[in-house]
Amino acid sequence: LLSSNMERDWPSARGIWHNDEKSFLVWINEEDHTRVISMQKGGNMREVFRRFCEGLQKVEGCVKKAGYSFMWNEHLGYVLTCPSNLGTGLRGGVHVKIPHVSQHAEFD
């Protein structure tokens, strides 16, 4: 934690930016150096992924314009603070609402 400066108190070199709809977020120095999030209610996964890809390309363009790049290793892929996110650095998640599931007889 110390070598990656993850022990710092908020708000030292940290921040979160989002679009007006709060469906695309860029989180700097939370757990990983950069966390990009695309989300929305409903089941339109194609739209969520499209927004993610488009937004990430814009973020990467800004990073490159500033003379930097995301850390990449031929063997490990993208190098992030958390070793469990090595490689693509991509993680997906879905929240599913299942009404009344706890009332099923097998939950007694």
C-alpha atoms as a PDB file:
ATOM      1  CA  LEU A   1       0.000   0.000   0.000  1.00  0.00           C
ATOM      2  CA  LEU A   2       2.753   2.432   0.864  1.00  0.00           C
ATOM      3  CA  SER A   3       4.770   1.995  -2.341  1.00  0.00           C
ATOM      4  CA  SER A   4       1.718   2.769  -4.512  1.00  0.00           C
ATOM      5  CA  ASN A   5       0.588   5.632  -2.224  1.00  0.00           C
ATOM      6  CA  MET A   6      -2.767   3.936  -1.632  1.00  0.00           C
ATOM      7  CA  GLU A   7      -2.620   4.861   2.059  1.00  0.00           C
ATOM      8  CA  ARG A   8      -3.136   8.566   1.352  1.00  0.00           C
ATOM      9  CA  ASP A   9      -6.121  10.313   2.887  1.00  0.00           C
ATOM     10  CA  TRP A  10      -8.838  11.773   0.690  1.00  0.00           C
ATOM     11  CA  PRO A  11      -8.647  13.930  -1.427  1.00  0.00           C
ATOM     12  CA  SER A  12      -4.903  13.784  -2.138  1.00  0.00           C
ATOM     13  CA  ALA A  13      -4.567  13.313  -5.924  1.00  0.00           C
ATOM     14  CA  ARG A  14      -8.004  11.722  -6.164  1.00  0.00           C
ATOM     15  CA  GLY A  15     -11.222  12.566  -7.888  1.00  0.00           C
ATOM     16  CA  ILE A  16     -14.265  11.370  -9.772  1.00  0.00           C
ATOM     17  CA  TRP A  17     -15.724  12.859 -12.927  1.00  0.00           C
ATOM     18  CA  HIS A  18     -19.056  11.915 -14.489  1.00  0.00           C
ATOM     19  CA  ASN A  19     -21.364  12.867 -17.316  1.00  0.00           C
ATOM     20  CA  ASP A  20     -24.629  14.738 -16.672  1.00  0.00           C
ATOM     21  CA  GLU A  21     -26.613  11.488 -16.514  1.00  0.00           C
ATOM     22  CA  LYS A  22     -24.087   9.928 -14.095  1.00  0.00           C
ATOM     23  CA  SER A  23     -23.982   6.884 -16.353  1.00  0.00           C
ATOM     24  CA  PHE A  24     -20.273   7.245 -17.210  1.00  0.00           C
ATOM     25  CA  LEU A  25     -17.711   7.839 -14.469  1.00  0.00           C
ATOM     26  CA  VAL A  26     -13.930   8.125 -14.311  1.00  0.00           C
ATOM     27  CA  TRP A  27     -12.562   7.539 -10.817  1.00  0.00           C
ATOM     28  CA  ILE A  28      -8.918   8.461 -10.225  1.00  0.00           C
ATOM     29  CA  ASN A  29      -6.796   6.828  -7.491  1.00  0.00           C
ATOM     30  CA  GLU A  30      -9.479   4.972  -5.566  1.00  0.00           C
ATOM     31  CA  GLU A  31      -8.236   1.369  -5.578  1.00  0.00           C
ATOM     32  CA  ASP A  32      -6.743   1.308  -9.052  1.00  0.00           C
ATOM     33  CA  HIS A  33      -5.067   4.267 -10.698  1.00  0.00           C
ATOM     34  CA  THR A  34      -8.060   4.770 -12.969  1.00  0.00           C
ATOM     35  CA  ARG A  35     -11.468   3.124 -12.781  1.00  0.00           C
ATOM     36  CA  VAL A  36     -13.869   3.698 -15.662  1.00  0.00           C
ATOM     37  CA  ILE A  37     -17.524   2.846 -15.042  1.00  0.00           C
ATOM     38  CA  SER A  38     -20.469   2.703 -17.426  1.00  0.00           C
ATOM     39  CA  MET A  39     -23.865   1.866 -15.939  1.00  0.00           C
ATOM     40  CA  GLN A  40     -27.602   2.284 -16.323  1.00  0.00           C
ATOM     41  CA  LYS A  41     -30.854   0.748 -15.180  1.00  0.00           C
ATOM     42  CA  GLY A  42     -32.641  -1.635 -17.518  1.00  0.00           C
ATOM     43  CA  GLY A  43     -31.244  -4.420 -19.626  1.00  0.00           C
ATOM     44  CA  ASN A  44     -29.521  -2.621 -22.479  1.00  0.00           C
ATOM     45  CA  MET A  45     -26.047  -4.131 -22.078  1.00  0.00           C
ATOM     46  CA  ARG A  46     -25.107  -3.123 -25.632  1.00  0.00           C
ATOM     47  CA  GLU A  47     -25.635   0.565 -24.773  1.00  0.00           C
ATOM     48  CA  VAL A  48     -23.666   0.256 -21.530  1.00  0.00           C
ATOM     49  CA  PHE A  49     -20.751  -1.385 -23.345  1.00  0.00           C
ATOM     50  CA  ARG A  50     -20.912   1.103 -26.257  1.00  0.00           C
ATOM     51  CA  ARG A  51     -20.736   4.022 -23.808  1.00  0.00           C
ATOM     52  CA  PHE A  52     -17.859   2.337 -21.953  1.00  0.00           C
ATOM     53  CA  CYS A  53     -15.809   1.827 -25.133  1.00  0.00           C
ATOM     54  CA  GLU A  54     -16.480   5.305 -26.487  1.00  0.00           C
ATOM     55  CA  GLY A  55     -15.739   6.971 -23.156  1.00  0.00           C
ATOM     56  CA  LEU A  56     -12.581   4.960 -22.568  1.00  0.00           C
ATOM     57  CA  GLN A  57     -11.270   5.943 -26.017  1.00  0.00           C
ATOM     58  CA  LYS A  58     -11.825   9.603 -25.116  1.00  0.00           C
ATOM     59  CA  VAL A  59     -10.090   9.173 -21.744  1.00  0.00           C
ATOM     60  CA  GLU A  60      -7.140   7.409 -23.368  1.00  0.00           C
ATOM     61  CA  GLY A  61      -6.946  10.173 -25.984  1.00  0.00           C
ATOM     62  CA  CYS A  62      -6.662  12.791 -23.223  1.00  0.00           C
ATOM     63  CA  VAL A  63      -3.986  10.739 -21.439  1.00  0.00           C
ATOM     64  CA  LYS A  64      -1.959  10.411 -24.653  1.00  0.00           C
ATOM     65  CA  LYS A  65      -2.418  14.093 -25.486  1.00  0.00           C
ATOM     66  CA  ALA A  66      -0.827  14.893 -22.109  1.00  0.00           C
ATOM     67  CA  GLY A  67       2.166  12.731 -23.094  1.00  0.00           C
ATOM     68  CA  TYR A  68       1.327   9.644 -21.025  1.00  0.00           C
ATOM     69  CA  SER A  69      -0.046   6.162 -21.624  1.00  0.00           C
ATOM     70  CA  PHE A  70      -1.598   3.359 -19.625  1.00  0.00           C
ATOM     71  CA  MET A  71       1.054   0.975 -18.293  1.00  0.00           C
ATOM     72  CA  TRP A  72       1.271  -2.131 -20.501  1.00  0.00           C
ATOM     73  CA  ASN A  73       3.446  -5.226 -20.177  1.00  0.00           C
ATOM     74  CA  GLU A  74       3.742  -7.832 -22.952  1.00  0.00           C
ATOM     75  CA  HIS A  75       3.433 -10.705 -20.438  1.00  0.00           C
ATOM     76  CA  LEU A  76       1.000  -9.221 -17.872  1.00  0.00           C
ATOM     77  CA  GLY A  77      -1.180  -6.960 -20.011  1.00  0.00           C
ATOM     78  CA  TYR A  78      -2.344  -3.740 -18.380  1.00  0.00           C
ATOM     79  CA  VAL A  79      -0.621  -3.212 -15.041  1.00  0.00           C
ATOM     80  CA  LEU A  80      -2.892  -1.935 -12.298  1.00  0.00           C
ATOM     81  CA  THR A  81      -2.527  -1.347  -8.570  1.00  0.00           C
ATOM     82  CA  CYS A  82      -4.591  -4.415  -7.658  1.00  0.00           C
ATOM     83  CA  PRO A  83      -2.962  -7.638  -8.992  1.00  0.00           C
ATOM     84  CA  SER A  84      -6.373  -9.280  -9.439  1.00  0.00           C
ATOM     85  CA  ASN A  85      -7.090  -6.780 -12.220  1.00  0.00           C
ATOM     86  CA  LEU A  86      -3.976  -7.499 -14.321  1.00  0.00           C
ATOM     87  CA  GLY A  87      -4.514  -8.239 -17.992  1.00  0.00           C
ATOM     88  CA  THR A  88      -7.396  -6.487 -19.681  1.00  0.00           C
ATOM     89  CA  GLY A  89      -8.240  -4.602 -16.493  1.00  0.00           C
ATOM     90  CA  LEU A  90     -11.860  -5.165 -17.509  1.00  0.00           C
ATOM     91  CA  ARG A  91     -14.445  -6.338 -15.010  1.00  0.00           C
ATOM     92  CA  GLY A  92     -18.175  -6.547 -15.658  1.00  0.00           C
ATOM     93  CA  GLY A  93     -21.058  -6.817 -13.255  1.00  0.00           C
ATOM     94  CA  VAL A  94     -24.829  -7.032 -13.408  1.00  0.00           C
ATOM     95  CA  HIS A  95     -27.369  -6.442 -10.649  1.00  0.00           C
ATOM     96  CA  VAL A  96     -30.505  -8.522 -11.067  1.00  0.00           C
ATOM     97  CA  LYS A  97     -33.722  -7.904  -9.155  1.00  0.00           C
ATOM     98  CA  ILE A  98     -35.625 -11.125  -8.467  1.00  0.00           C
ATOM     99  CA  PRO A  99     -38.883 -10.165  -6.754  1.00  0.00           C
ATOM    100  CA  HIS A 100     -40.197 -12.472  -4.034  1.00  0.00           C
ATOM    101  CA  VAL A 101     -37.329 -14.993  -4.366  1.00  0.00           C
ATOM    102  CA  SER A 102     -37.000 -15.181  -0.573  1.00  0.00           C
ATOM    103  CA  GLN A 103     -40.613 -16.360  -0.362  1.00  0.00           C
ATOM    104  CA  HIS A 104     -39.751 -19.552  -2.276  1.00  0.00           C
ATOM    105  CA  ALA A 105     -40.365 -22.711  -0.209  1.00  0.00           C
ATOM    106  CA  GLU A 106     -36.675 -23.784  -0.399  1.00  0.00           C
ATOM    107  CA  PHE A 107     -35.635 -20.651   1.527  1.00  0.00           C
ATOM    108  CA  ASP A 108     -37.471 -21.762   4.699  1.00  0.00           C
END
